[in-house]
Amino acid sequence: MTASHSVPLCIAPDHPALAGHFPGRPVVPGVVLLQRVATAWKAWRGMAVGQLDAKFIQPLLPGEAATIVLREDGDHARFEVARADGQSLARGTLAPVRGRA
């Protein structure tokens, strides 16, 4: 059985990264999503992330509810960021840094 972990995600409309991304029609930058994925992984498994590979499918809007789902897969892990309705926003793999927090 594969271990998995879910974390709720919602980026506040006043998040500093939204100011220039994009004026008048803000979307949450991919780097913010990846930072949250790495933070969720470290909180769950106590290991830093060495490499993240991601595919962005749909934008996340400020204030929109989503979930990060992490699944262990051998030496790597898979992740998905999805809206509350199940629509995938981003997915990919991460490589943890073993032996280092």
N, C-alpha and C. Protein backbone atom coordinates (compact mmCIF):
# COMPACT_ATOMS: atom_id res chain seq x y z
N MET A 1 0.84 -1.18 0.00
CA MET A 1 0.00 0.00 0.00
C MET A 1 0.88 1.25 0.00
N THR A 2 0.56 2.18 -0.85
CA THR A 2 1.34 3.41 -0.98
C THR A 2 0.89 4.41 0.07
N ALA A 3 1.84 5.01 0.77
CA ALA A 3 1.52 6.04 1.76
C ALA A 3 1.19 7.33 1.04
N SER A 4 0.16 8.02 1.56
CA SER A 4 -0.20 9.32 0.97
C SER A 4 -0.56 10.29 2.08
N HIS A 5 -0.55 11.55 1.73
CA HIS A 5 -0.80 12.63 2.69
C HIS A 5 -1.45 13.79 1.94
N SER A 6 -2.48 14.38 2.53
CA SER A 6 -3.17 15.52 1.91
C SER A 6 -3.09 16.75 2.81
N VAL A 7 -2.95 17.90 2.18
CA VAL A 7 -2.85 19.17 2.89
C VAL A 7 -3.73 20.19 2.19
N PRO A 8 -4.60 20.89 2.93
CA PRO A 8 -5.40 21.93 2.29
C PRO A 8 -4.52 23.10 1.86
N LEU A 9 -4.94 23.79 0.82
CA LEU A 9 -4.17 24.91 0.28
C LEU A 9 -5.12 26.03 -0.11
N CYS A 10 -4.80 27.24 0.31
CA CYS A 10 -5.53 28.43 -0.11
C CYS A 10 -4.56 29.61 0.02
N ILE A 11 -4.30 30.28 -1.06
CA ILE A 11 -3.38 31.42 -1.07
C ILE A 11 -4.22 32.69 -0.96
N ALA A 12 -3.97 33.44 0.08
CA ALA A 12 -4.75 34.66 0.36
C ALA A 12 -4.59 35.69 -0.77
N PRO A 13 -5.65 36.42 -1.07
CA PRO A 13 -5.59 37.45 -2.12
C PRO A 13 -4.55 38.54 -1.87
N ASP A 14 -4.10 38.70 -0.61
CA ASP A 14 -3.10 39.72 -0.32
C ASP A 14 -1.68 39.16 -0.25
N HIS A 15 -1.48 37.92 -0.72
CA HIS A 15 -0.14 37.32 -0.72
C HIS A 15 0.80 38.20 -1.54
N PRO A 16 2.01 38.49 -1.04
CA PRO A 16 2.93 39.40 -1.75
C PRO A 16 3.32 38.97 -3.16
N ALA A 17 3.30 37.68 -3.45
CA ALA A 17 3.69 37.21 -4.79
C ALA A 17 2.66 37.55 -5.86
N LEU A 18 1.46 37.93 -5.45
CA LEU A 18 0.40 38.20 -6.42
C LEU A 18 0.47 39.61 -7.01
N ALA A 19 1.19 40.50 -6.39
CA ALA A 19 1.22 41.91 -6.80
C ALA A 19 1.55 42.10 -8.28
N GLY A 20 2.49 41.35 -8.81
CA GLY A 20 2.86 41.53 -10.21
C GLY A 20 2.51 40.34 -11.08
N HIS A 21 1.62 39.50 -10.60
CA HIS A 21 1.38 38.23 -11.30
C HIS A 21 -0.11 37.95 -11.50
N PHE A 22 -0.82 38.49 -12.15
CA PHE A 22 -0.76 39.48 -13.22
C PHE A 22 -1.72 40.60 -12.82
N PRO A 23 -1.33 41.83 -12.91
CA PRO A 23 -2.18 42.95 -12.49
C PRO A 23 -3.55 42.92 -13.18
N GLY A 24 -4.59 43.03 -12.36
CA GLY A 24 -5.95 43.03 -12.89
C GLY A 24 -6.56 41.64 -13.00
N ARG A 25 -5.73 40.60 -13.13
CA ARG A 25 -6.20 39.20 -13.24
C ARG A 25 -5.19 38.28 -12.54
N PRO A 26 -5.06 38.42 -11.23
CA PRO A 26 -4.01 37.67 -10.54
C PRO A 26 -4.24 36.15 -10.55
N VAL A 27 -3.15 35.43 -10.69
CA VAL A 27 -3.12 33.98 -10.51
C VAL A 27 -1.94 33.67 -9.58
N VAL A 28 -2.05 32.57 -8.87
CA VAL A 28 -0.99 32.17 -7.96
C VAL A 28 0.19 31.67 -8.78
N PRO A 29 1.38 32.25 -8.59
CA PRO A 29 2.55 31.81 -9.34
C PRO A 29 2.90 30.35 -9.05
N GLY A 30 3.37 29.65 -10.06
CA GLY A 30 3.77 28.25 -9.91
C GLY A 30 4.80 28.05 -8.82
N VAL A 31 5.70 29.00 -8.67
CA VAL A 31 6.75 28.86 -7.65
C VAL A 31 6.13 28.84 -6.25
N VAL A 32 5.03 29.55 -6.06
CA VAL A 32 4.35 29.53 -4.75
C VAL A 32 3.74 28.15 -4.52
N LEU A 33 3.13 27.57 -5.54
CA LEU A 33 2.58 26.22 -5.41
C LEU A 33 3.69 25.21 -5.08
N LEU A 34 4.81 25.29 -5.78
CA LEU A 34 5.90 24.36 -5.55
C LEU A 34 6.51 24.52 -4.16
N GLN A 35 6.57 25.74 -3.69
CA GLN A 35 7.08 25.98 -2.33
C GLN A 35 6.15 25.33 -1.32
N ARG A 36 4.85 25.42 -1.54
CA ARG A 36 3.88 24.80 -0.63
C ARG A 36 3.97 23.27 -0.70
N VAL A 37 4.20 22.72 -1.88
CA VAL A 37 4.38 21.28 -2.02
C VAL A 37 5.61 20.84 -1.23
N ALA A 38 6.73 21.54 -1.38
CA ALA A 38 7.96 21.20 -0.67
C ALA A 38 7.78 21.32 0.84
N THR A 39 7.07 22.34 1.29
CA THR A 39 6.81 22.53 2.71
C THR A 39 5.93 21.40 3.25
N ALA A 40 4.91 21.01 2.48
CA ALA A 40 4.03 19.91 2.90
C ALA A 40 4.82 18.61 3.01
N TRP A 41 5.70 18.35 2.05
CA TRP A 41 6.52 17.14 2.08
C TRP A 41 7.41 17.13 3.32
N LYS A 42 8.09 18.24 3.57
CA LYS A 42 9.00 18.31 4.71
C LYS A 42 8.25 18.13 6.03
N ALA A 43 7.06 18.72 6.14
CA ALA A 43 6.26 18.57 7.36
C ALA A 43 5.81 17.12 7.55
N TRP A 44 5.52 16.43 6.44
CA TRP A 44 5.05 15.04 6.51
C TRP A 44 6.19 14.05 6.76
N ARG A 45 7.27 14.19 6.01
CA ARG A 45 8.34 13.19 6.05
C ARG A 45 9.64 13.68 6.68
N GLY A 46 9.73 14.96 7.02
CA GLY A 46 10.92 15.47 7.69
C GLY A 46 12.15 15.56 6.81
N MET A 47 11.96 15.55 5.48
CA MET A 47 13.08 15.64 4.54
C MET A 47 12.87 16.82 3.61
N ALA A 48 13.97 17.49 3.29
CA ALA A 48 13.91 18.56 2.30
C ALA A 48 13.71 17.96 0.91
N VAL A 49 13.31 18.80 -0.01
CA VAL A 49 13.13 18.38 -1.41
C VAL A 49 14.35 18.83 -2.20
N GLY A 50 14.95 17.90 -2.92
CA GLY A 50 16.12 18.21 -3.73
C GLY A 50 15.77 18.65 -5.14
N GLN A 51 14.72 18.07 -5.69
CA GLN A 51 14.31 18.39 -7.07
C GLN A 51 12.81 18.22 -7.19
N LEU A 52 12.19 19.16 -7.89
CA LEU A 52 10.76 19.11 -8.19
C LEU A 52 10.58 19.21 -9.69
N ASP A 53 9.81 18.31 -10.25
CA ASP A 53 9.43 18.40 -11.67
C ASP A 53 7.92 18.53 -11.69
N ALA A 54 7.43 19.54 -12.40
CA ALA A 54 5.99 19.80 -12.36
C ALA A 54 5.43 20.13 -13.73
N LYS A 55 4.17 19.80 -13.88
CA LYS A 55 3.39 20.22 -15.03
C LYS A 55 2.22 21.03 -14.50
N PHE A 56 2.09 22.26 -14.98
CA PHE A 56 1.00 23.12 -14.56
C PHE A 56 -0.12 23.01 -15.59
N ILE A 57 -1.32 22.69 -15.12
CA ILE A 57 -2.43 22.39 -16.00
C ILE A 57 -3.45 23.52 -16.04
N GLN A 58 -3.81 24.02 -14.89
CA GLN A 58 -4.78 25.11 -14.76
C GLN A 58 -4.26 26.07 -13.70
N PRO A 59 -4.63 27.34 -13.78
CA PRO A 59 -4.19 28.28 -12.74
C PRO A 59 -5.00 28.15 -11.46
N LEU A 60 -4.35 28.45 -10.36
CA LEU A 60 -5.03 28.59 -9.07
C LEU A 60 -5.26 30.08 -8.86
N LEU A 61 -6.48 30.45 -8.51
CA LEU A 61 -6.82 31.84 -8.28
C LEU A 61 -6.65 32.18 -6.80
N PRO A 62 -6.33 33.43 -6.50
CA PRO A 62 -6.21 33.85 -5.10
C PRO A 62 -7.51 33.55 -4.34
N GLY A 63 -7.39 32.99 -3.15
CA GLY A 63 -8.53 32.70 -2.31
C GLY A 63 -9.26 31.41 -2.66
N GLU A 64 -8.84 30.73 -3.72
CA GLU A 64 -9.49 29.50 -4.16
C GLU A 64 -8.99 28.30 -3.33
N ALA A 65 -9.90 27.44 -2.92
CA ALA A 65 -9.54 26.27 -2.13
C ALA A 65 -8.98 25.18 -3.02
N ALA A 66 -7.92 24.54 -2.55
CA ALA A 66 -7.29 23.43 -3.26
C ALA A 66 -6.71 22.48 -2.23
N THR A 67 -6.18 21.37 -2.72
CA THR A 67 -5.55 20.37 -1.86
C THR A 67 -4.26 19.90 -2.51
N ILE A 68 -3.23 19.73 -1.69
CA ILE A 68 -1.98 19.09 -2.12
C ILE A 68 -2.06 17.64 -1.68
N VAL A 69 -1.87 16.71 -2.61
CA VAL A 69 -1.83 15.29 -2.28
C VAL A 69 -0.44 14.77 -2.62
N LEU A 70 0.21 14.18 -1.64
CA LEU A 70 1.54 13.60 -1.79
C LEU A 70 1.43 12.09 -1.69
N ARG A 71 2.15 11.39 -2.56
CA ARG A 71 2.18 9.92 -2.55
C ARG A 71 3.62 9.44 -2.70
N GLU A 72 4.05 8.59 -1.80
CA GLU A 72 5.39 8.02 -1.93
C GLU A 72 5.42 7.05 -3.10
N ASP A 73 6.54 7.05 -3.82
CA ASP A 73 6.68 6.18 -5.00
C ASP A 73 8.14 5.78 -5.11
N GLY A 74 8.57 4.84 -4.28
CA GLY A 74 9.97 4.42 -4.29
C GLY A 74 10.88 5.51 -3.76
N ASP A 75 11.93 5.83 -4.51
CA ASP A 75 12.88 6.87 -4.10
C ASP A 75 12.35 8.27 -4.34
N HIS A 76 11.24 8.37 -5.03
CA HIS A 76 10.64 9.67 -5.32
C HIS A 76 9.24 9.73 -4.70
N ALA A 77 8.60 10.84 -4.91
CA ALA A 77 7.20 10.99 -4.49
C ALA A 77 6.47 11.69 -5.62
N ARG A 78 5.19 11.45 -5.69
CA ARG A 78 4.34 12.13 -6.66
C ARG A 78 3.46 13.11 -5.91
N PHE A 79 3.12 14.20 -6.59
CA PHE A 79 2.21 15.16 -5.98
C PHE A 79 1.18 15.62 -7.00
N GLU A 80 0.07 16.07 -6.46
CA GLU A 80 -0.96 16.71 -7.28
C GLU A 80 -1.54 17.84 -6.46
N VAL A 81 -1.79 18.96 -7.12
CA VAL A 81 -2.53 20.07 -6.54
C VAL A 81 -3.84 20.11 -7.30
N ALA A 82 -4.96 20.03 -6.56
CA ALA A 82 -6.26 19.98 -7.21
C ALA A 82 -7.25 20.91 -6.50
N ARG A 83 -8.16 21.46 -7.29
CA ARG A 83 -9.25 22.26 -6.73
C ARG A 83 -10.17 21.37 -5.91
N ALA A 84 -11.02 22.00 -5.13
CA ALA A 84 -11.99 21.27 -4.31
C ALA A 84 -12.92 20.40 -5.17
N ASP A 85 -13.16 20.81 -6.43
CA ASP A 85 -14.03 20.02 -7.32
C ASP A 85 -13.28 18.86 -7.98
N GLY A 86 -12.00 18.68 -7.64
CA GLY A 86 -11.21 17.58 -8.18
C GLY A 86 -10.40 17.92 -9.42
N GLN A 87 -10.60 19.11 -9.98
CA GLN A 87 -9.86 19.52 -11.18
C GLN A 87 -8.38 19.69 -10.85
N SER A 88 -7.54 18.99 -11.60
CA SER A 88 -6.10 19.05 -11.38
C SER A 88 -5.53 20.39 -11.84
N LEU A 89 -4.71 20.99 -10.99
CA LEU A 89 -4.06 22.26 -11.30
C LEU A 89 -2.59 22.04 -11.66
N ALA A 90 -1.95 21.13 -10.96
CA ALA A 90 -0.54 20.83 -11.19
C ALA A 90 -0.26 19.42 -10.67
N ARG A 91 0.74 18.77 -11.29
CA ARG A 91 1.16 17.47 -10.79
C ARG A 91 2.61 17.25 -11.19
N GLY A 92 3.24 16.33 -10.50
CA GLY A 92 4.62 16.06 -10.83
C GLY A 92 5.27 15.13 -9.83
N THR A 93 6.60 15.18 -9.79
CA THR A 93 7.37 14.33 -8.90
C THR A 93 8.34 15.19 -8.09
N LEU A 94 8.76 14.64 -6.98
CA LEU A 94 9.79 15.31 -6.18
C LEU A 94 10.76 14.25 -5.72
N ALA A 95 12.00 14.68 -5.55
CA ALA A 95 13.07 13.81 -5.07
C ALA A 95 13.52 14.34 -3.71
N PRO A 96 13.24 13.60 -2.64
CA PRO A 96 13.66 14.07 -1.32
C PRO A 96 15.16 13.97 -1.14
N VAL A 97 15.68 14.82 -0.29
CA VAL A 97 17.08 14.78 0.09
C VAL A 97 17.15 13.92 1.34
N ARG A 98 17.60 12.71 1.20
CA ARG A 98 17.64 11.77 2.33
C ARG A 98 18.80 12.08 3.24
N GLY A 99 18.52 11.99 4.55
CA GLY A 99 19.58 12.22 5.55
C GLY A 99 19.80 13.68 5.87
N ARG A 100 18.99 14.57 5.29
CA ARG A 100 19.12 16.01 5.54
C ARG A 100 17.74 16.58 5.71
N ALA A 101 17.56 17.45 6.66
CA ALA A 101 16.26 18.11 6.86
C ALA A 101 16.20 19.44 6.18
